[in-house]
Amino acid sequence: MARSGPIIIIEDDYDDQEIIHDILKELEVPNNIIFFTNGSDGLKYLKTTNEQPFLIICDVNLPGINGLEFKKQIDNDSYLRQKSIPFVFLTTSASRDAVNKAFTEMIVQGFFEKSSSLSELKQMLKTIIEYWKISKNPNTA
């Protein structure tokens, strides 16, 4: 089952963007992939698009508003919250504090630490995508 909305990736590291893009292409993910290097541009897009994004994958460490603040702003916006877009963090360093904040102060569906192994990162992304293809949320039930 394919869900057609774009995958939104908030990632400021261009090397990581390229790696993620190449992995998703290799996995033959049919969704359009849209990258933003900061949360402000991501929020602007989410507030103005008519598309229903399939998934948001977000780094924690971002310039300007960090990933945690980005997610809080989504949760505090009734229009965006109603879109019920699955949201996962994918970050280089998953500190205990960041993980705790993500699960106690906001609504997230996952928190993943980037692997330095390309094959492990590929398996992680494949698992995330496959899970959301079959999972139900208010927009797919």
C-alpha atoms as a PDB file:
ATOM      1  CA  MET A   1       0.000   0.000   0.000  1.00  0.00           C
ATOM      2  CA  ALA A   2       1.510   3.315  -1.026  1.00  0.00           C
ATOM      3  CA  ARG A   3       0.681   6.618   0.544  1.00  0.00           C
ATOM      4  CA  SER A   4       1.284   9.408  -1.895  1.00  0.00           C
ATOM      5  CA  GLY A   5       2.083  12.433   0.260  1.00  0.00           C
ATOM      6  CA  PRO A   6       5.588  13.800   0.399  1.00  0.00           C
ATOM      7  CA  ILE A   7       8.160  12.824   2.994  1.00  0.00           C
ATOM      8  CA  ILE A   8       9.369  15.988   4.701  1.00  0.00           C
ATOM      9  CA  ILE A   9      12.935  15.865   5.967  1.00  0.00           C
ATOM     10  CA  ILE A  10      14.250  18.626   8.201  1.00  0.00           C
ATOM     11  CA  GLU A  11      18.036  18.235   8.100  1.00  0.00           C
ATOM     12  CA  ASP A  12      20.656  20.986   7.997  1.00  0.00           C
ATOM     13  CA  ASP A  13      23.633  18.778   7.071  1.00  0.00           C
ATOM     14  CA  TYR A  14      23.851  18.551   3.275  1.00  0.00           C
ATOM     15  CA  ASP A  15      25.925  15.360   3.428  1.00  0.00           C
ATOM     16  CA  ASP A  16      23.226  13.702   5.543  1.00  0.00           C
ATOM     17  CA  GLN A  17      20.567  14.983   3.135  1.00  0.00           C
ATOM     18  CA  GLU A  18      22.395  13.373   0.243  1.00  0.00           C
ATOM     19  CA  ILE A  19      22.828  10.071   2.106  1.00  0.00           C
ATOM     20  CA  ILE A  20      19.157   9.965   3.114  1.00  0.00           C
ATOM     21  CA  HIS A  21      18.047  10.880  -0.414  1.00  0.00           C
ATOM     22  CA  ASP A  22      20.238   8.154  -1.940  1.00  0.00           C
ATOM     23  CA  ILE A  23      18.966   5.544   0.525  1.00  0.00           C
ATOM     24  CA  LEU A  24      15.310   6.412  -0.132  1.00  0.00           C
ATOM     25  CA  LYS A  25      15.960   6.271  -3.886  1.00  0.00           C
ATOM     26  CA  GLU A  26      17.681   2.884  -3.489  1.00  0.00           C
ATOM     27  CA  LEU A  27      14.699   1.671  -1.441  1.00  0.00           C
ATOM     28  CA  GLU A  28      12.486   2.814  -4.341  1.00  0.00           C
ATOM     29  CA  VAL A  29      10.338   4.973  -2.081  1.00  0.00           C
ATOM     30  CA  PRO A  30       7.817   6.496  -4.504  1.00  0.00           C
ATOM     31  CA  ASN A  31       7.012   9.559  -2.388  1.00  0.00           C
ATOM     32  CA  ASN A  32       8.328  12.978  -3.265  1.00  0.00           C
ATOM     33  CA  ILE A  33      11.127  13.893  -0.811  1.00  0.00           C
ATOM     34  CA  ILE A  34      11.218  17.518   0.341  1.00  0.00           C
ATOM     35  CA  PHE A  35      14.219  18.742   2.332  1.00  0.00           C
ATOM     36  CA  PHE A  36      14.380  21.789   4.565  1.00  0.00           C
ATOM     37  CA  THR A  37      17.536  22.910   6.348  1.00  0.00           C
ATOM     38  CA  ASN A  38      15.655  24.562   9.209  1.00  0.00           C
ATOM     39  CA  GLY A  39      12.402  24.339  11.093  1.00  0.00           C
ATOM     40  CA  SER A  40      11.169  27.803  10.113  1.00  0.00           C
ATOM     41  CA  ASP A  41      11.048  26.923   6.418  1.00  0.00           C
ATOM     42  CA  GLY A  42       9.504  23.555   7.261  1.00  0.00           C
ATOM     43  CA  LEU A  43       6.742  25.223   9.280  1.00  0.00           C
ATOM     44  CA  LYS A  44       6.063  27.729   6.518  1.00  0.00           C
ATOM     45  CA  TYR A  45       5.659  24.873   4.029  1.00  0.00           C
ATOM     46  CA  LEU A  46       3.428  22.805   6.339  1.00  0.00           C
ATOM     47  CA  LYS A  47       1.148  25.777   7.011  1.00  0.00           C
ATOM     48  CA  THR A  48       0.706  26.616   3.324  1.00  0.00           C
ATOM     49  CA  THR A  49       0.633  23.275   1.502  1.00  0.00           C
ATOM     50  CA  ASN A  50      -2.585  21.549   0.561  1.00  0.00           C
ATOM     51  CA  GLU A  51      -0.768  18.214   0.402  1.00  0.00           C
ATOM     52  CA  GLN A  52      -1.052  15.727   3.235  1.00  0.00           C
ATOM     53  CA  PRO A  53       2.539  14.779   4.046  1.00  0.00           C
ATOM     54  CA  PHE A  54       3.187  11.079   4.496  1.00  0.00           C
ATOM     55  CA  LEU A  55       5.834  11.550   7.193  1.00  0.00           C
ATOM     56  CA  ILE A  56       8.139  14.111   8.798  1.00  0.00           C
ATOM     57  CA  ILE A  57      11.684  13.035   9.644  1.00  0.00           C
ATOM     58  CA  CYS A  58      13.471  15.693  11.678  1.00  0.00           C
ATOM     59  CA  ASP A  59      16.920  16.239  13.124  1.00  0.00           C
ATOM     60  CA  VAL A  60      17.108  17.630  16.676  1.00  0.00           C
ATOM     61  CA  ASN A  61      20.086  19.955  16.190  1.00  0.00           C
ATOM     62  CA  LEU A  62      19.046  22.618  13.709  1.00  0.00           C
ATOM     63  CA  PRO A  63      19.916  26.281  13.190  1.00  0.00           C
ATOM     64  CA  GLY A  64      17.346  28.733  14.488  1.00  0.00           C
ATOM     65  CA  ILE A  65      14.583  26.737  16.104  1.00  0.00           C
ATOM     66  CA  ASN A  66      15.812  23.254  16.947  1.00  0.00           C
ATOM     67  CA  GLY A  67      13.887  20.102  16.103  1.00  0.00           C
ATOM     68  CA  LEU A  68      12.226  19.915  19.524  1.00  0.00           C
ATOM     69  CA  GLU A  69      10.938  23.471  19.222  1.00  0.00           C
ATOM     70  CA  PHE A  70       9.836  22.782  15.635  1.00  0.00           C
ATOM     71  CA  LYS A  71       7.721  19.863  16.834  1.00  0.00           C
ATOM     72  CA  LYS A  72       6.286  21.903  19.729  1.00  0.00           C
ATOM     73  CA  GLN A  73       5.176  24.547  17.230  1.00  0.00           C
ATOM     74  CA  ILE A  74       3.435  21.885  15.144  1.00  0.00           C
ATOM     75  CA  ASP A  75       1.702  20.514  18.254  1.00  0.00           C
ATOM     76  CA  ASN A  76       0.590  24.019  19.296  1.00  0.00           C
ATOM     77  CA  ASP A  77      -0.922  24.842  15.900  1.00  0.00           C
ATOM     78  CA  SER A  78      -4.451  23.454  15.645  1.00  0.00           C
ATOM     79  CA  TYR A  79      -4.337  23.286  11.824  1.00  0.00           C
ATOM     80  CA  LEU A  80      -1.069  21.336  11.776  1.00  0.00           C
ATOM     81  CA  ARG A  81      -2.009  19.141  14.740  1.00  0.00           C
ATOM     82  CA  GLN A  82      -5.233  18.194  12.963  1.00  0.00           C
ATOM     83  CA  LYS A  83      -3.217  16.995   9.951  1.00  0.00           C
ATOM     84  CA  SER A  84      -1.891  14.185  12.213  1.00  0.00           C
ATOM     85  CA  ILE A  85       1.365  13.894  10.280  1.00  0.00           C
ATOM     86  CA  PRO A  86       3.523  11.052  11.609  1.00  0.00           C
ATOM     87  CA  PHE A  87       6.673  12.588  13.111  1.00  0.00           C
ATOM     88  CA  VAL A  88       9.981  10.933  13.980  1.00  0.00           C
ATOM     89  CA  PHE A  89      13.305  12.312  15.063  1.00  0.00           C
ATOM     90  CA  LEU A  90      16.432  11.062  13.317  1.00  0.00           C
ATOM     91  CA  THR A  91      19.470  12.623  14.896  1.00  0.00           C
ATOM     92  CA  THR A  92      23.190  12.142  15.356  1.00  0.00           C
ATOM     93  CA  SER A  93      23.092  12.341  19.127  1.00  0.00           C
ATOM     94  CA  ALA A  94      20.067  11.051  21.025  1.00  0.00           C
ATOM     95  CA  SER A  95      20.683  12.546  24.451  1.00  0.00           C
ATOM     96  CA  ARG A  96      18.589  11.313  27.346  1.00  0.00           C
ATOM     97  CA  ASP A  97      17.284  14.849  27.858  1.00  0.00           C
ATOM     98  CA  ALA A  98      16.185  15.233  24.221  1.00  0.00           C
ATOM     99  CA  VAL A  99      14.463  11.831  24.196  1.00  0.00           C
ATOM    100  CA  ASN A 100      12.665  12.621  27.468  1.00  0.00           C
ATOM    101  CA  LYS A 101      11.502  16.012  26.182  1.00  0.00           C
ATOM    102  CA  ALA A 102      10.319  14.496  22.915  1.00  0.00           C
ATOM    103  CA  PHE A 103       8.103  11.953  24.642  1.00  0.00           C
ATOM    104  CA  THR A 104       6.910  13.996  27.634  1.00  0.00           C
ATOM    105  CA  GLU A 105       6.469  17.488  26.176  1.00  0.00           C
ATOM    106  CA  MET A 106       5.203  16.734  22.684  1.00  0.00           C
ATOM    107  CA  ILE A 107       3.641  14.068  20.508  1.00  0.00           C
ATOM    108  CA  VAL A 108       6.227  12.072  18.558  1.00  0.00           C
ATOM    109  CA  GLN A 109       6.021   8.623  17.044  1.00  0.00           C
ATOM    110  CA  GLY A 110       9.696   7.747  17.201  1.00  0.00           C
ATOM    111  CA  PHE A 111      13.191   8.833  18.108  1.00  0.00           C
ATOM    112  CA  PHE A 112      16.100   7.291  16.212  1.00  0.00           C
ATOM    113  CA  GLU A 113      19.830   7.788  16.383  1.00  0.00           C
ATOM    114  CA  LYS A 114      21.602   7.965  13.028  1.00  0.00           C
ATOM    115  CA  SER A 115      23.904   5.054  12.529  1.00  0.00           C
ATOM    116  CA  SER A 116      27.364   5.639  11.112  1.00  0.00           C
ATOM    117  CA  SER A 117      26.878   2.400   9.170  1.00  0.00           C
ATOM    118  CA  LEU A 118      25.212   2.985   5.821  1.00  0.00           C
ATOM    119  CA  SER A 119      23.571  -0.447   5.871  1.00  0.00           C
ATOM    120  CA  GLU A 120      22.160   0.134   9.377  1.00  0.00           C
ATOM    121  CA  LEU A 121      20.836   3.568   8.409  1.00  0.00           C
ATOM    122  CA  LYS A 122      19.267   2.046   5.303  1.00  0.00           C
ATOM    123  CA  GLN A 123      17.555  -0.654   7.395  1.00  0.00           C
ATOM    124  CA  MET A 124      16.369   1.966   9.891  1.00  0.00           C
ATOM    125  CA  LEU A 125      14.834   4.154   7.167  1.00  0.00           C
ATOM    126  CA  LYS A 126      13.291   1.129   5.467  1.00  0.00           C
ATOM    127  CA  THR A 127      11.676   0.066   8.756  1.00  0.00           C
ATOM    128  CA  ILE A 128      10.321   3.566   9.439  1.00  0.00           C
ATOM    129  CA  ILE A 129       8.831   3.885   5.931  1.00  0.00           C
ATOM    130  CA  GLU A 130       7.362   0.370   5.923  1.00  0.00           C
ATOM    131  CA  TYR A 131       5.794   0.902   9.346  1.00  0.00           C
ATOM    132  CA  TRP A 132       4.046   4.111   8.265  1.00  0.00           C
ATOM    133  CA  LYS A 133       2.818   2.528   5.031  1.00  0.00           C
ATOM    134  CA  ILE A 134       0.627   0.144   7.034  1.00  0.00           C
ATOM    135  CA  SER A 135      -0.010   2.097  10.231  1.00  0.00           C
ATOM    136  CA  LYS A 136      -3.314   3.894  10.671  1.00  0.00           C
ATOM    137  CA  ASN A 137      -3.708   7.501  11.727  1.00  0.00           C
ATOM    138  CA  PRO A 138      -6.712   9.853  11.573  1.00  0.00           C
ATOM    139  CA  ASN A 139      -6.008  10.575   7.903  1.00  0.00           C
ATOM    140  CA  THR A 140      -5.873   6.926   6.837  1.00  0.00           C
ATOM    141  CA  ALA A 141      -8.433   5.176   9.043  1.00  0.00           C
END
